[in-house]
């Protein structure tokens, strides 16, 4: 079985060679957005069961 490909910086490469800087603003903001969305969903689920 062949290794999966990743698309990064306008080219395809083996996934094992794909590297992202942890300080990349897209990564930082994406992680923050994902965490905030999860917290909002938890709040909505709590409200739904409280009714």
C-alpha atoms as a PDB file:
ATOM      1  CA  UNK A   1       0.000   0.000   0.000  1.00  0.00           C
ATOM      2  CA  UNK A   2       1.369   3.436  -0.888  1.00  0.00           C
ATOM      3  CA  UNK A   3       1.772   6.293   1.560  1.00  0.00           C
ATOM      4  CA  UNK A   4      -1.025   8.900   1.663  1.00  0.00           C
ATOM      5  CA  UNK A   5      -0.409  12.240  -0.032  1.00  0.00           C
ATOM      6  CA  UNK A   6      -0.741  15.665   1.552  1.00  0.00           C
ATOM      7  CA  UNK A   7      -1.304  18.957  -0.297  1.00  0.00           C
ATOM      8  CA  UNK A   8       0.844  21.697   1.215  1.00  0.00           C
ATOM      9  CA  UNK A   9       2.285  24.912  -0.228  1.00  0.00           C
ATOM     10  CA  UNK A  10       0.713  24.328  -3.636  1.00  0.00           C
ATOM     11  CA  UNK A  11       2.101  20.834  -4.159  1.00  0.00           C
ATOM     12  CA  UNK A  12       1.422  17.214  -3.289  1.00  0.00           C
ATOM     13  CA  UNK A  13       3.963  15.326  -1.176  1.00  0.00           C
ATOM     14  CA  UNK A  14       4.104  12.153   0.918  1.00  0.00           C
ATOM     15  CA  UNK A  15       2.303  12.792   4.212  1.00  0.00           C
ATOM     16  CA  UNK A  16       5.435  11.897   6.187  1.00  0.00           C
ATOM     17  CA  UNK A  17       7.268  14.847   4.587  1.00  0.00           C
ATOM     18  CA  UNK A  18       4.531  17.443   5.204  1.00  0.00           C
ATOM     19  CA  UNK A  19       5.604  19.812   7.987  1.00  0.00           C
ATOM     20  CA  UNK A  20       3.732  22.761   9.509  1.00  0.00           C
ATOM     21  CA  UNK A  21       5.152  25.426  11.777  1.00  0.00           C
ATOM     22  CA  UNK A  22       3.221  25.321  15.067  1.00  0.00           C
ATOM     23  CA  UNK A  23       3.321  29.116  15.193  1.00  0.00           C
ATOM     24  CA  UNK A  24       1.620  29.428  11.783  1.00  0.00           C
ATOM     25  CA  UNK A  25      -1.301  31.825  12.285  1.00  0.00           C
ATOM     26  CA  UNK A  26      -3.689  29.586  10.335  1.00  0.00           C
ATOM     27  CA  UNK A  27      -2.915  26.680  12.642  1.00  0.00           C
ATOM     28  CA  UNK A  28      -3.174  28.777  15.805  1.00  0.00           C
ATOM     29  CA  UNK A  29      -6.453  30.429  14.814  1.00  0.00           C
ATOM     30  CA  UNK A  30      -7.875  27.181  13.458  1.00  0.00           C
ATOM     31  CA  UNK A  31      -7.206  25.401  16.755  1.00  0.00           C
ATOM     32  CA  UNK A  32      -8.770  28.279  18.684  1.00  0.00           C
ATOM     33  CA  UNK A  33     -11.850  28.312  16.467  1.00  0.00           C
ATOM     34  CA  UNK A  34     -12.267  24.556  16.809  1.00  0.00           C
ATOM     35  CA  UNK A  35     -12.009  24.717  20.613  1.00  0.00           C
ATOM     36  CA  UNK A  36     -14.474  27.616  20.809  1.00  0.00           C
ATOM     37  CA  UNK A  37     -16.956  25.801  18.552  1.00  0.00           C
ATOM     38  CA  UNK A  38     -16.733  22.674  20.728  1.00  0.00           C
ATOM     39  CA  UNK A  39     -17.445  24.746  23.855  1.00  0.00           C
ATOM     40  CA  UNK A  40     -20.465  26.346  22.174  1.00  0.00           C
ATOM     41  CA  UNK A  41     -21.830  22.929  21.175  1.00  0.00           C
ATOM     42  CA  UNK A  42     -21.415  21.631  24.723  1.00  0.00           C
ATOM     43  CA  UNK A  43     -23.428  24.609  25.973  1.00  0.00           C
ATOM     44  CA  UNK A  44     -26.216  23.980  23.448  1.00  0.00           C
ATOM     45  CA  UNK A  45     -26.413  20.294  24.405  1.00  0.00           C
ATOM     46  CA  UNK A  46     -26.676  21.232  28.095  1.00  0.00           C
ATOM     47  CA  UNK A  47     -29.523  23.659  27.330  1.00  0.00           C
ATOM     48  CA  UNK A  48     -31.365  21.048  25.240  1.00  0.00           C
ATOM     49  CA  UNK A  49     -31.333  18.532  28.100  1.00  0.00           C
ATOM     50  CA  UNK A  50     -32.324  21.146  30.687  1.00  0.00           C
ATOM     51  CA  UNK A  51     -35.669  21.799  28.976  1.00  0.00           C
END
